Amino acid sequence: MIGVEVYPLPTDAGPFLDQYRADMKKYFPNLALDTTNLYGYQKAALFVEALQHVGRDLTRESLLNAIASIKDWDPGWGLTYSYGGEGRRVMSRAARLASVQEGKWTRLGDWLELEEMARR
């Protein structure tokens, strides 16, 4: 079976994923590692990044401006994200092929940037 992976596996290597696993073990030791809680963890890290951009003047507007100012943020798995303007990256624009081999999902290549198609 071949599928499309749009998020790293919780077992992938990298400092961000190592920290995710350590925090999950510390705070949620009985919760299985999966892409759902990894997604939430990454979004929380993005929120912290935005708060650091805001500084002490936290308002709704300053937070939205801070998120839009984030350029080429790297959570540590081979993709960077920008959140402002036309060039922003969203999760649905990056993917990589994977197949099931010996009962486990196995990557078939690197991340691919997908072209956004107009809706009809």
PDB file of N, CA and C in Angstrom:
ATOM      1  N   MET A   1       0.839  -1.155   0.000  1.00  0.00           N
ATOM      2  CA  MET A   1       0.000   0.000   0.000  1.00  0.00           C
ATOM      3  C   MET A   1       0.898   1.236   0.000  1.00  0.00           C
ATOM      4  N   ILE A   2       0.536   2.237  -0.789  1.00  0.00           N
ATOM      5  CA  ILE A   2       1.260   3.509  -0.844  1.00  0.00           C
ATOM      6  C   ILE A   2       0.310   4.613  -0.417  1.00  0.00           C
ATOM      7  N   GLY A   3       0.813   5.546   0.376  1.00  0.00           N
ATOM      8  CA  GLY A   3       0.001   6.659   0.844  1.00  0.00           C
ATOM      9  C   GLY A   3       0.793   7.956   0.802  1.00  0.00           C
ATOM     10  N   VAL A   4       0.144   9.028   1.209  1.00  0.00           N
ATOM     11  CA  VAL A   4       0.759  10.348   1.257  1.00  0.00           C
ATOM     12  C   VAL A   4       0.860  10.769   2.720  1.00  0.00           C
ATOM     13  N   GLU A   5       2.048  11.119   3.111  1.00  0.00           N
ATOM     14  CA  GLU A   5       2.310  11.569   4.476  1.00  0.00           C
ATOM     15  C   GLU A   5       2.407  13.092   4.464  1.00  0.00           C
ATOM     16  N   VAL A   6       1.638  13.767   5.300  1.00  0.00           N
ATOM     17  CA  VAL A   6       1.660  15.227   5.332  1.00  0.00           C
ATOM     18  C   VAL A   6       2.225  15.755   6.638  1.00  0.00           C
ATOM     19  N   TYR A   7       2.706  14.869   7.478  1.00  0.00           N
ATOM     20  CA  TYR A   7       3.272  15.231   8.765  1.00  0.00           C
ATOM     21  C   TYR A   7       4.326  14.189   9.108  1.00  0.00           C
ATOM     22  N   PRO A   8       5.367  14.546   9.838  1.00  0.00           N
ATOM     23  CA  PRO A   8       6.361  13.545  10.195  1.00  0.00           C
ATOM     24  C   PRO A   8       5.780  12.516  11.157  1.00  0.00           C
ATOM     25  N   LEU A   9       6.412  11.397  11.245  1.00  0.00           N
ATOM     26  CA  LEU A   9       6.015  10.402  12.230  1.00  0.00           C
ATOM     27  C   LEU A   9       6.549  10.824  13.599  1.00  0.00           C
ATOM     28  N   PRO A  10       5.827  10.531  14.662  1.00  0.00           N
ATOM     29  CA  PRO A  10       6.310  10.882  16.004  1.00  0.00           C
ATOM     30  C   PRO A  10       7.640  10.228  16.362  1.00  0.00           C
ATOM     31  N   THR A  11       8.022   9.193  15.639  1.00  0.00           N
ATOM     32  CA  THR A  11       9.286   8.493  15.898  1.00  0.00           C
ATOM     33  C   THR A  11      10.442   9.009  15.049  1.00  0.00           C
ATOM     34  N   ASP A  12      10.193   9.980  14.160  1.00  0.00           N
ATOM     35  CA  ASP A  12      11.262  10.526  13.318  1.00  0.00           C
ATOM     36  C   ASP A  12      12.331  11.203  14.169  1.00  0.00           C
ATOM     37  N   ALA A  13      13.527  11.325  13.622  1.00  0.00           N
ATOM     38  CA  ALA A  13      14.651  11.960  14.318  1.00  0.00           C
ATOM     39  C   ALA A  13      14.548  13.478  14.238  1.00  0.00           C
ATOM     40  N   GLY A  14      15.199  14.150  15.164  1.00  0.00           N
ATOM     41  CA  GLY A  14      15.285  15.603  15.138  1.00  0.00           C
ATOM     42  C   GLY A  14      15.064  16.198  16.518  1.00  0.00           C
ATOM     43  N   PRO A  15      15.692  17.349  16.791  1.00  0.00           N
ATOM     44  CA  PRO A  15      15.601  17.971  18.116  1.00  0.00           C
ATOM     45  C   PRO A  15      14.167  18.305  18.548  1.00  0.00           C
ATOM     46  N   PHE A  16      13.363  18.840  17.632  1.00  0.00           N
ATOM     47  CA  PHE A  16      11.981  19.184  17.977  1.00  0.00           C
ATOM     48  C   PHE A  16      11.201  17.929  18.346  1.00  0.00           C
ATOM     49  N   LEU A  17      11.365  16.884  17.561  1.00  0.00           N
ATOM     50  CA  LEU A  17      10.650  15.635  17.821  1.00  0.00           C
ATOM     51  C   LEU A  17      11.173  14.947  19.077  1.00  0.00           C
ATOM     52  N   ASP A  18      12.472  15.093  19.354  1.00  0.00           N
ATOM     53  CA  ASP A  18      13.020  14.565  20.607  1.00  0.00           C
ATOM     54  C   ASP A  18      12.377  15.268  21.803  1.00  0.00           C
ATOM     55  N   GLN A  19      12.233  16.598  21.704  1.00  0.00           N
ATOM     56  CA  GLN A  19      11.620  17.362  22.795  1.00  0.00           C
ATOM     57  C   GLN A  19      10.144  16.994  22.951  1.00  0.00           C
ATOM     58  N   TYR A  20       9.456  16.824  21.824  1.00  0.00           N
ATOM     59  CA  TYR A  20       8.048  16.375  21.851  1.00  0.00           C
ATOM     60  C   TYR A  20       7.925  15.059  22.608  1.00  0.00           C
ATOM     61  N   ARG A  21       8.772  14.091  22.276  1.00  0.00           N
ATOM     62  CA  ARG A  21       8.705  12.780  22.938  1.00  0.00           C
ATOM     63  C   ARG A  21       9.023  12.894  24.430  1.00  0.00           C
ATOM     64  N   ALA A  22      10.016  13.716  24.783  1.00  0.00           N
ATOM     65  CA  ALA A  22      10.368  13.896  26.193  1.00  0.00           C
ATOM     66  C   ALA A  22       9.221  14.545  26.967  1.00  0.00           C
ATOM     67  N   ASP A  23       8.611  15.567  26.384  1.00  0.00           N
ATOM     68  CA  ASP A  23       7.484  16.232  27.049  1.00  0.00           C
ATOM     69  C   ASP A  23       6.286  15.303  27.170  1.00  0.00           C
ATOM     70  N   MET A  24       6.016  14.527  26.132  1.00  0.00           N
ATOM     71  CA  MET A  24       4.906  13.584  26.213  1.00  0.00           C
ATOM     72  C   MET A  24       5.151  12.547  27.309  1.00  0.00           C
ATOM     73  N   LYS A  25       6.383  12.054  27.391  1.00  0.00           N
ATOM     74  CA  LYS A  25       6.710  11.061  28.417  1.00  0.00           C
ATOM     75  C   LYS A  25       6.565  11.660  29.816  1.00  0.00           C
ATOM     76  N   LYS A  26       6.970  12.925  29.965  1.00  0.00           N
ATOM     77  CA  LYS A  26       6.910  13.586  31.272  1.00  0.00           C
ATOM     78  C   LYS A  26       5.480  13.945  31.672  1.00  0.00           C
ATOM     79  N   TYR A  27       4.718  14.564  30.761  1.00  0.00           N
ATOM     80  CA  TYR A  27       3.409  15.104  31.111  1.00  0.00           C
ATOM     81  C   TYR A  27       2.239  14.175  30.784  1.00  0.00           C
ATOM     82  N   PHE A  28       2.404  13.304  29.818  1.00  0.00           N
ATOM     83  CA  PHE A  28       1.336  12.393  29.397  1.00  0.00           C
ATOM     84  C   PHE A  28       1.896  10.987  29.179  1.00  0.00           C
ATOM     85  N   PRO A  29       2.450  10.370  30.220  1.00  0.00           N
ATOM     86  CA  PRO A  29       3.137   9.092  30.035  1.00  0.00           C
ATOM     87  C   PRO A  29       2.241   7.954  29.552  1.00  0.00           C
ATOM     88  N   ASN A  30       0.947   8.052  29.752  1.00  0.00           N
ATOM     89  CA  ASN A  30       0.038   6.976  29.346  1.00  0.00           C
ATOM     90  C   ASN A  30      -0.619   7.229  27.987  1.00  0.00           C
ATOM     91  N   LEU A  31      -0.271   8.335  27.356  1.00  0.00           N
ATOM     92  CA  LEU A  31      -0.862   8.679  26.064  1.00  0.00           C
ATOM     93  C   LEU A  31       0.059   8.224  24.938  1.00  0.00           C
ATOM     94  N   ALA A  32      -0.484   7.494  23.986  1.00  0.00           N
ATOM     95  CA  ALA A  32       0.315   7.012  22.853  1.00  0.00           C
ATOM     96  C   ALA A  32       0.785   8.182  21.997  1.00  0.00           C
ATOM     97  N   LEU A  33       2.001   8.078  21.481  1.00  0.00           N
ATOM     98  CA  LEU A  33       2.513   9.080  20.548  1.00  0.00           C
ATOM     99  C   LEU A  33       1.827   8.872  19.207  1.00  0.00           C
ATOM    100  N   ASP A  34       1.280   9.947  18.641  1.00  0.00           N
ATOM    101  CA  ASP A  34       0.658   9.851  17.320  1.00  0.00           C
ATOM    102  C   ASP A  34       0.702  11.212  16.644  1.00  0.00           C
ATOM    103  N   THR A  35       0.348  11.238  15.390  1.00  0.00           N
ATOM    104  CA  THR A  35       0.425  12.499  14.643  1.00  0.00           C
ATOM    105  C   THR A  35      -0.601  13.510  15.126  1.00  0.00           C
ATOM    106  N   THR A  36      -1.663  13.080  15.770  1.00  0.00           N
ATOM    107  CA  THR A  36      -2.662  14.027  16.278  1.00  0.00           C
ATOM    108  C   THR A  36      -2.086  14.862  17.406  1.00  0.00           C
ATOM    109  N   ASN A  37      -1.470  14.205  18.409  1.00  0.00           N
ATOM    110  CA  ASN A  37      -0.905  15.019  19.486  1.00  0.00           C
ATOM    111  C   ASN A  37       0.381  15.720  19.052  1.00  0.00           C
ATOM    112  N   LEU A  38       1.098  15.179  18.078  1.00  0.00           N
ATOM    113  CA  LEU A  38       2.251  15.893  17.526  1.00  0.00           C
ATOM    114  C   LEU A  38       1.795  17.172  16.827  1.00  0.00           C
ATOM    115  N   TYR A  39       0.690  17.105  16.107  1.00  0.00           N
ATOM    116  CA  TYR A  39       0.130  18.290  15.443  1.00  0.00           C
ATOM    117  C   TYR A  39      -0.187  19.369  16.474  1.00  0.00           C
ATOM    118  N   GLY A  40      -0.853  18.990  17.559  1.00  0.00           N
ATOM    119  CA  GLY A  40      -1.173  19.941  18.613  1.00  0.00           C
ATOM    120  C   GLY A  40       0.066  20.522  19.262  1.00  0.00           C
ATOM    121  N   TYR A  41       1.070  19.702  19.473  1.00  0.00           N
ATOM    122  CA  TYR A  41       2.329  20.138  20.071  1.00  0.00           C
ATOM    123  C   TYR A  41       3.018  21.160  19.168  1.00  0.00           C
ATOM    124  N   GLN A  42       3.023  20.891  17.866  1.00  0.00           N
ATOM    125  CA  GLN A  42       3.647  21.821  16.915  1.00  0.00           C
ATOM    126  C   GLN A  42       2.899  23.146  16.885  1.00  0.00           C
ATOM    127  N   LYS A  43       1.568  23.108  16.940  1.00  0.00           N
ATOM    128  CA  LYS A  43       0.789  24.353  16.942  1.00  0.00           C
ATOM    129  C   LYS A  43       1.023  25.138  18.225  1.00  0.00           C
ATOM    130  N   ALA A  44       1.190  24.439  19.357  1.00  0.00           N
ATOM    131  CA  ALA A  44       1.513  25.123  20.611  1.00  0.00           C
ATOM    132  C   ALA A  44       2.887  25.789  20.510  1.00  0.00           C
ATOM    133  N   ALA A  45       3.851  25.111  19.880  1.00  0.00           N
ATOM    134  CA  ALA A  45       5.188  25.691  19.690  1.00  0.00           C
ATOM    135  C   ALA A  45       5.115  26.923  18.797  1.00  0.00           C
ATOM    136  N   LEU A  46       4.272  26.880  17.775  1.00  0.00           N
ATOM    137  CA  LEU A  46       4.069  28.044  16.914  1.00  0.00           C
ATOM    138  C   LEU A  46       3.482  29.204  17.705  1.00  0.00           C
ATOM    139  N   PHE A  47       2.517  28.908  18.586  1.00  0.00           N
ATOM    140  CA  PHE A  47       1.911  29.943  19.417  1.00  0.00           C
ATOM    141  C   PHE A  47       2.964  30.593  20.317  1.00  0.00           C
ATOM    142  N   VAL A  48       3.846  29.790  20.905  1.00  0.00           N
ATOM    143  CA  VAL A  48       4.926  30.322  21.735  1.00  0.00           C
ATOM    144  C   VAL A  48       5.844  31.205  20.893  1.00  0.00           C
ATOM    145  N   GLU A  49       6.161  30.768  19.684  1.00  0.00           N
ATOM    146  CA  GLU A  49       6.978  31.578  18.764  1.00  0.00           C
ATOM    147  C   GLU A  49       6.318  32.927  18.507  1.00  0.00           C
ATOM    148  N   ALA A  50       5.023  32.916  18.259  1.00  0.00           N
ATOM    149  CA  ALA A  50       4.290  34.166  18.022  1.00  0.00           C
ATOM    150  C   ALA A  50       4.314  35.054  19.267  1.00  0.00           C
ATOM    151  N   LEU A  51       4.127  34.478  20.447  1.00  0.00           N
ATOM    152  CA  LEU A  51       4.174  35.259  21.688  1.00  0.00           C
ATOM    153  C   LEU A  51       5.541  35.905  21.880  1.00  0.00           C
ATOM    154  N   GLN A  52       6.603  35.208  21.480  1.00  0.00           N
ATOM    155  CA  GLN A  52       7.942  35.792  21.583  1.00  0.00           C
ATOM    156  C   GLN A  52       8.103  36.967  20.633  1.00  0.00           C
ATOM    157  N   HIS A  53       7.448  36.907  19.477  1.00  0.00           N
ATOM    158  CA  HIS A  53       7.480  38.031  18.530  1.00  0.00           C
ATOM    159  C   HIS A  53       6.703  39.224  19.091  1.00  0.00           C
ATOM    160  N   VAL A  54       5.609  38.963  19.804  1.00  0.00           N
ATOM    161  CA  VAL A  54       4.765  40.033  20.350  1.00  0.00           C
ATOM    162  C   VAL A  54       5.493  40.793  21.446  1.00  0.00           C
ATOM    163  N   GLY A  55       6.128  40.074  22.340  1.00  0.00           N
ATOM    164  CA  GLY A  55       6.750  40.724  23.497  1.00  0.00           C
ATOM    165  C   GLY A  55       5.714  41.049  24.555  1.00  0.00           C
ATOM    166  N   ARG A  56       5.881  42.174  25.231  1.00  0.00           N
ATOM    167  CA  ARG A  56       5.023  42.512  26.362  1.00  0.00           C
ATOM    168  C   ARG A  56       3.708  43.176  25.965  1.00  0.00           C
ATOM    169  N   ASP A  57       3.550  43.623  24.744  1.00  0.00           N
ATOM    170  CA  ASP A  57       2.336  44.319  24.305  1.00  0.00           C
ATOM    171  C   ASP A  57       1.368  43.330  23.641  1.00  0.00           C
ATOM    172  N   LEU A  58       0.807  42.442  24.443  1.00  0.00           N
ATOM    173  CA  LEU A  58      -0.069  41.400  23.907  1.00  0.00           C
ATOM    174  C   LEU A  58      -1.502  41.903  23.758  1.00  0.00           C
ATOM    175  N   THR A  59      -1.930  41.986  22.513  1.00  0.00           N
ATOM    176  CA  THR A  59      -3.324  42.267  22.167  1.00  0.00           C
ATOM    177  C   THR A  59      -3.695  41.298  21.056  1.00  0.00           C
ATOM    178  N   ARG A  60      -4.963  41.230  20.746  1.00  0.00           N
ATOM    179  CA  ARG A  60      -5.392  40.373  19.639  1.00  0.00           C
ATOM    180  C   ARG A  60      -4.672  40.784  18.358  1.00  0.00           C
ATOM    181  N   GLU A  61      -4.644  42.083  18.096  1.00  0.00           N
ATOM    182  CA  GLU A  61      -4.014  42.580  16.867  1.00  0.00           C
ATOM    183  C   GLU A  61      -2.514  42.314  16.847  1.00  0.00           C
ATOM    184  N   SER A  62      -1.828  42.534  17.983  1.00  0.00           N
ATOM    185  CA  SER A  62      -0.381  42.297  17.998  1.00  0.00           C
ATOM    186  C   SER A  62      -0.061  40.810  17.821  1.00  0.00           C
ATOM    187  N   LEU A  63      -0.918  39.938  18.346  1.00  0.00           N
ATOM    188  CA  LEU A  63      -0.708  38.500  18.163  1.00  0.00           C
ATOM    189  C   LEU A  63      -0.905  38.097  16.705  1.00  0.00           C
ATOM    190  N   LEU A  64      -1.969  38.603  16.065  1.00  0.00           N
ATOM    191  CA  LEU A  64      -2.199  38.293  14.649  1.00  0.00           C
ATOM    192  C   LEU A  64      -1.063  38.826  13.781  1.00  0.00           C
ATOM    193  N   ASN A  65      -0.579  40.021  14.086  1.00  0.00           N
ATOM    194  CA  ASN A  65       0.552  40.586  13.344  1.00  0.00           C
ATOM    195  C   ASN A  65       1.820  39.764  13.560  1.00  0.00           C
ATOM    196  N   ALA A  66       2.015  39.292  14.784  1.00  0.00           N
ATOM    197  CA  ALA A  66       3.189  38.471  15.075  1.00  0.00           C
ATOM    198  C   ALA A  66       3.147  37.166  14.298  1.00  0.00           C
ATOM    199  N   ILE A  67       1.983  36.513  14.244  1.00  0.00           N
ATOM    200  CA  ILE A  67       1.862  35.273  13.475  1.00  0.00           C
ATOM    201  C   ILE A  67       2.159  35.535  12.004  1.00  0.00           C
ATOM    202  N   ALA A  68       1.604  36.632  11.468  1.00  0.00           N
ATOM    203  CA  ALA A  68       1.834  36.963  10.062  1.00  0.00           C
ATOM    204  C   ALA A  68       3.293  37.314   9.782  1.00  0.00           C
ATOM    205  N   SER A  69       4.049  37.704  10.823  1.00  0.00           N
ATOM    206  CA  SER A  69       5.453  38.087  10.618  1.00  0.00           C
ATOM    207  C   SER A  69       6.398  36.886  10.656  1.00  0.00           C
ATOM    208  N   ILE A  70       5.895  35.730  11.018  1.00  0.00           N
ATOM    209  CA  ILE A  70       6.763  34.553  11.113  1.00  0.00           C
ATOM    210  C   ILE A  70       7.122  34.085   9.705  1.00  0.00           C
ATOM    211  N   LYS A  71       8.414  34.068   9.437  1.00  0.00           N
ATOM    212  CA  LYS A  71       8.922  33.676   8.118  1.00  0.00           C
ATOM    213  C   LYS A  71       9.924  32.545   8.275  1.00  0.00           C
ATOM    214  N   ASP A  72       9.767  31.521   7.479  1.00  0.00           N
ATOM    215  CA  ASP A  72      10.710  30.405   7.444  1.00  0.00           C
ATOM    216  C   ASP A  72      10.968  29.787   8.821  1.00  0.00           C
ATOM    217  N   TRP A  73       9.899  29.637   9.608  1.00  0.00           N
ATOM    218  CA  TRP A  73      10.004  28.981  10.915  1.00  0.00           C
ATOM    219  C   TRP A  73      10.207  27.497  10.688  1.00  0.00           C
ATOM    220  N   ASP A  74      11.188  26.935  11.362  1.00  0.00           N
ATOM    221  CA  ASP A  74      11.534  25.534  11.180  1.00  0.00           C
ATOM    222  C   ASP A  74      11.263  24.754  12.461  1.00  0.00           C
ATOM    223  N   PRO A  75      10.212  23.930  12.477  1.00  0.00           N
ATOM    224  CA  PRO A  75       9.963  23.111  13.658  1.00  0.00           C
ATOM    225  C   PRO A  75      10.917  21.924  13.751  1.00  0.00           C
ATOM    226  N   GLY A  76      11.719  21.691  12.735  1.00  0.00           N
ATOM    227  CA  GLY A  76      12.761  20.688  12.842  1.00  0.00           C
ATOM    228  C   GLY A  76      12.530  19.389  12.096  1.00  0.00           C
ATOM    229  N   TRP A  77      11.712  19.402  11.055  1.00  0.00           N
ATOM    230  CA  TRP A  77      11.550  18.144  10.310  1.00  0.00           C
ATOM    231  C   TRP A  77      11.693  18.319   8.805  1.00  0.00           C
ATOM    232  N   GLY A  78      12.436  19.315   8.381  1.00  0.00           N
ATOM    233  CA  GLY A  78      12.757  19.439   6.973  1.00  0.00           C
ATOM    234  C   GLY A  78      11.876  20.382   6.189  1.00  0.00           C
ATOM    235  N   LEU A  79      10.944  21.039   6.842  1.00  0.00           N
ATOM    236  CA  LEU A  79      10.081  22.024   6.188  1.00  0.00           C
ATOM    237  C   LEU A  79      10.130  23.319   6.978  1.00  0.00           C
ATOM    238  N   THR A  80      10.018  24.444   6.291  1.00  0.00           N
ATOM    239  CA  THR A  80       9.886  25.722   6.980  1.00  0.00           C
ATOM    240  C   THR A  80       8.517  26.290   6.651  1.00  0.00           C
ATOM    241  N   TYR A  81       8.008  27.102   7.571  1.00  0.00           N
ATOM    242  CA  TYR A  81       6.657  27.648   7.437  1.00  0.00           C
ATOM    243  C   TYR A  81       6.692  29.156   7.552  1.00  0.00           C
ATOM    244  N   SER A  82       5.954  29.822   6.680  1.00  0.00           N
ATOM    245  CA  SER A  82       5.754  31.260   6.740  1.00  0.00           C
ATOM    246  C   SER A  82       4.252  31.492   6.787  1.00  0.00           C
ATOM    247  N   TYR A  83       3.824  32.447   7.599  1.00  0.00           N
ATOM    248  CA  TYR A  83       2.397  32.596   7.854  1.00  0.00           C
ATOM    249  C   TYR A  83       1.800  33.902   7.370  1.00  0.00           C
ATOM    250  N   GLY A  84       2.549  34.758   6.736  1.00  0.00           N
ATOM    251  CA  GLY A  84       1.992  36.016   6.268  1.00  0.00           C
ATOM    252  C   GLY A  84       2.066  36.145   4.767  1.00  0.00           C
ATOM    253  N   GLY A  85       1.148  36.903   4.189  1.00  0.00           N
ATOM    254  CA  GLY A  85       1.164  37.194   2.766  1.00  0.00           C
ATOM    255  C   GLY A  85       0.793  36.016   1.891  1.00  0.00           C
ATOM    256  N   GLU A  86       1.067  36.155   0.615  1.00  0.00           N
ATOM    257  CA  GLU A  86       0.698  35.131  -0.363  1.00  0.00           C
ATOM    258  C   GLU A  86       1.600  33.908  -0.318  1.00  0.00           C
ATOM    259  N   GLY A  87       2.831  34.058   0.198  1.00  0.00           N
ATOM    260  CA  GLY A  87       3.782  32.962   0.174  1.00  0.00           C
ATOM    261  C   GLY A  87       3.703  32.045   1.373  1.00  0.00           C
ATOM    262  N   ARG A  88       2.650  32.145   2.160  1.00  0.00           N
ATOM    263  CA  ARG A  88       2.603  31.320   3.378  1.00  0.00           C
ATOM    264  C   ARG A  88       2.437  29.846   3.028  1.00  0.00           C
ATOM    265  N   ARG A  89       3.033  29.018   3.839  1.00  0.00           N
ATOM    266  CA  ARG A  89       2.965  27.575   3.650  1.00  0.00           C
ATOM    267  C   ARG A  89       1.893  27.035   4.583  1.00  0.00           C
ATOM    268  N   VAL A  90       1.103  26.150   4.067  1.00  0.00           N
ATOM    269  CA  VAL A  90       0.112  25.473   4.891  1.00  0.00           C
ATOM    270  C   VAL A  90       0.393  23.985   4.817  1.00  0.00           C
ATOM    271  N   MET A  91      -0.095  23.246   5.785  1.00  0.00           N
ATOM    272  CA  MET A  91       0.222  21.822   5.844  1.00  0.00           C
ATOM    273  C   MET A  91      -0.180  21.071   4.579  1.00  0.00           C
ATOM    274  N   SER A  92      -1.247  21.468   3.929  1.00  0.00           N
ATOM    275  CA  SER A  92      -1.733  20.727   2.769  1.00  0.00           C
ATOM    276  C   SER A  92      -0.885  20.933   1.520  1.00  0.00           C
ATOM    277  N   ARG A  93       0.152  21.782   1.569  1.00  0.00           N
ATOM    278  CA  ARG A  93       0.977  22.020   0.387  1.00  0.00           C
ATOM    279  C   ARG A  93       2.286  21.246   0.398  1.00  0.00           C
ATOM    280  N   ALA A  94       2.517  20.440   1.416  1.00  0.00           N
ATOM    281  CA  ALA A  94       3.737  19.642   1.481  1.00  0.00           C
ATOM    282  C   ALA A  94       3.364  18.204   1.803  1.00  0.00           C
ATOM    283  N   ALA A  95       4.042  17.284   1.151  1.00  0.00           N
ATOM    284  CA  ALA A  95       3.745  15.866   1.386  1.00  0.00           C
ATOM    285  C   ALA A  95       4.932  15.024   0.940  1.00  0.00           C
ATOM    286  N   ARG A  96       4.921  13.786   1.367  1.00  0.00           N
ATOM    287  CA  ARG A  96       5.895  12.823   0.862  1.00  0.00           C
ATOM    288  C   ARG A  96       5.211  11.467   0.779  1.00  0.00           C
ATOM    289  N   LEU A  97       5.669  10.682  -0.163  1.00  0.00           N
ATOM    290  CA  LEU A  97       5.087   9.358  -0.345  1.00  0.00           C
ATOM    291  C   LEU A  97       5.644   8.392   0.694  1.00  0.00           C
ATOM    292  N   ALA A  98       4.790   7.471   1.108  1.00  0.00           N
ATOM    293  CA  ALA A  98       5.185   6.435   2.057  1.00  0.00           C
ATOM    294  C   ALA A  98       4.478   5.150   1.678  1.00  0.00           C
ATOM    295  N   SER A  99       5.068   4.036   2.062  1.00  0.00           N
ATOM    296  CA  SER A  99       4.428   2.751   1.810  1.00  0.00           C
ATOM    297  C   SER A  99       4.529   1.892   3.066  1.00  0.00           C
ATOM    298  N   VAL A 100       3.660   0.921   3.145  1.00  0.00           N
ATOM    299  CA  VAL A 100       3.707  -0.015   4.262  1.00  0.00           C
ATOM    300  C   VAL A 100       4.680  -1.131   3.896  1.00  0.00           C
ATOM    301  N   GLN A 101       5.718  -1.277   4.708  1.00  0.00           N
ATOM    302  CA  GLN A 101       6.712  -2.329   4.513  1.00  0.00           C
ATOM    303  C   GLN A 101       6.941  -3.011   5.854  1.00  0.00           C
ATOM    304  N   GLU A 102       6.711  -4.301   5.869  1.00  0.00           N
ATOM    305  CA  GLU A 102       6.833  -5.101   7.089  1.00  0.00           C
ATOM    306  C   GLU A 102       5.965  -4.533   8.218  1.00  0.00           C
ATOM    307  N   GLY A 103       4.768  -4.072   7.849  1.00  0.00           N
ATOM    308  CA  GLY A 103       3.798  -3.599   8.826  1.00  0.00           C
ATOM    309  C   GLY A 103       4.001  -2.183   9.338  1.00  0.00           C
ATOM    310  N   LYS A 104       4.975  -1.440   8.779  1.00  0.00           N
ATOM    311  CA  LYS A 104       5.235  -0.076   9.233  1.00  0.00           C
ATOM    312  C   LYS A 104       5.271   0.869   8.038  1.00  0.00           C
ATOM    313  N   TRP A 105       4.789   2.105   8.272  1.00  0.00           N
ATOM    314  CA  TRP A 105       4.913   3.119   7.230  1.00  0.00           C
ATOM    315  C   TRP A 105       6.376   3.455   7.044  1.00  0.00           C
ATOM    316  N   THR A 106       6.823   3.460   5.802  1.00  0.00           N
ATOM    317  CA  THR A 106       8.208   3.743   5.452  1.00  0.00           C
ATOM    318  C   THR A 106       8.234   4.815   4.380  1.00  0.00           C
ATOM    319  N   ARG A 107       9.039   5.835   4.599  1.00  0.00           N
ATOM    320  CA  ARG A 107       9.166   6.943   3.660  1.00  0.00           C
ATOM    321  C   ARG A 107       9.762   6.491   2.339  1.00  0.00           C
ATOM    322  N   LEU A 108       9.215   6.988   1.234  1.00  0.00           N
ATOM    323  CA  LEU A 108       9.756   6.667  -0.090  1.00  0.00           C
ATOM    324  C   LEU A 108      10.584   7.804  -0.673  1.00  0.00           C
ATOM    325  N   GLY A 109      10.588   8.952  -0.020  1.00  0.00           N
ATOM    326  CA  GLY A 109      11.358  10.080  -0.530  1.00  0.00           C
ATOM    327  C   GLY A 109      11.258  11.267   0.402  1.00  0.00           C
ATOM    328  N   ASP A 110      11.801  12.390  -0.056  1.00  0.00           N
ATOM    329  CA  ASP A 110      11.783  13.626   0.724  1.00  0.00           C
ATOM    330  C   ASP A 110      10.464  14.364   0.536  1.00  0.00           C
ATOM    331  N   TRP A 111      10.303  15.441   1.306  1.00  0.00           N
ATOM    332  CA  TRP A 111       9.106  16.278   1.198  1.00  0.00           C
ATOM    333  C   TRP A 111       9.010  16.860  -0.210  1.00  0.00           C
ATOM    334  N   LEU A 112       7.807  16.948  -0.720  1.00  0.00           N
ATOM    335  CA  LEU A 112       7.518  17.560  -2.010  1.00  0.00           C
ATOM    336  C   LEU A 112       6.630  18.770  -1.786  1.00  0.00           C
ATOM    337  N   GLU A 113       6.908  19.831  -2.502  1.00  0.00           N
ATOM    338  CA  GLU A 113       6.052  21.020  -2.460  1.00  0.00           C
ATOM    339  C   GLU A 113       4.966  20.832  -3.511  1.00  0.00           C
ATOM    340  N   LEU A 114       3.732  20.862  -3.090  1.00  0.00           N
ATOM    341  CA  LEU A 114       2.617  20.661  -4.003  1.00  0.00           C
ATOM    342  C   LEU A 114       2.112  21.992  -4.522  1.00  0.00           C
ATOM    343  N   GLU A 115       1.749  22.028  -5.787  1.00  0.00           N
ATOM    344  CA  GLU A 115       1.180  23.246  -6.348  1.00  0.00           C
ATOM    345  C   GLU A 115      -0.264  23.383  -5.915  1.00  0.00           C
ATOM    346  N   GLU A 116      -0.629  24.610  -5.590  1.00  0.00           N
ATOM    347  CA  GLU A 116      -2.004  24.875  -5.218  1.00  0.00           C
ATOM    348  C   GLU A 116      -2.817  25.064  -6.482  1.00  0.00           C
ATOM    349  N   MET A 117      -3.901  24.346  -6.596  1.00  0.00           N
ATOM    350  CA  MET A 117      -4.732  24.434  -7.788  1.00  0.00           C
ATOM    351  C   MET A 117      -5.961  25.262  -7.496  1.00  0.00           C
ATOM    352  N   ALA A 118      -6.432  25.967  -8.471  1.00  0.00           N
ATOM    353  CA  ALA A 118      -7.630  26.790  -8.309  1.00  0.00           C
ATOM    354  C   ALA A 118      -8.849  25.882  -8.148  1.00  0.00           C
ATOM    355  N   ARG A 119      -9.766  26.331  -7.310  1.00  0.00           N
ATOM    356  CA  ARG A 119     -11.008  25.593  -7.144  1.00  0.00           C
ATOM    357  C   ARG A 119     -11.928  25.864  -8.321  1.00  0.00           C
ATOM    358  N   ARG A 120     -12.659  24.838  -8.690  1.00  0.00           N
ATOM    359  CA  ARG A 120     -13.590  25.004  -9.821  1.00  0.00           C
ATOM    360  C   ARG A 120     -15.005  25.003  -9.321  1.00  0.00           C
TER     361      ARG A 120
END
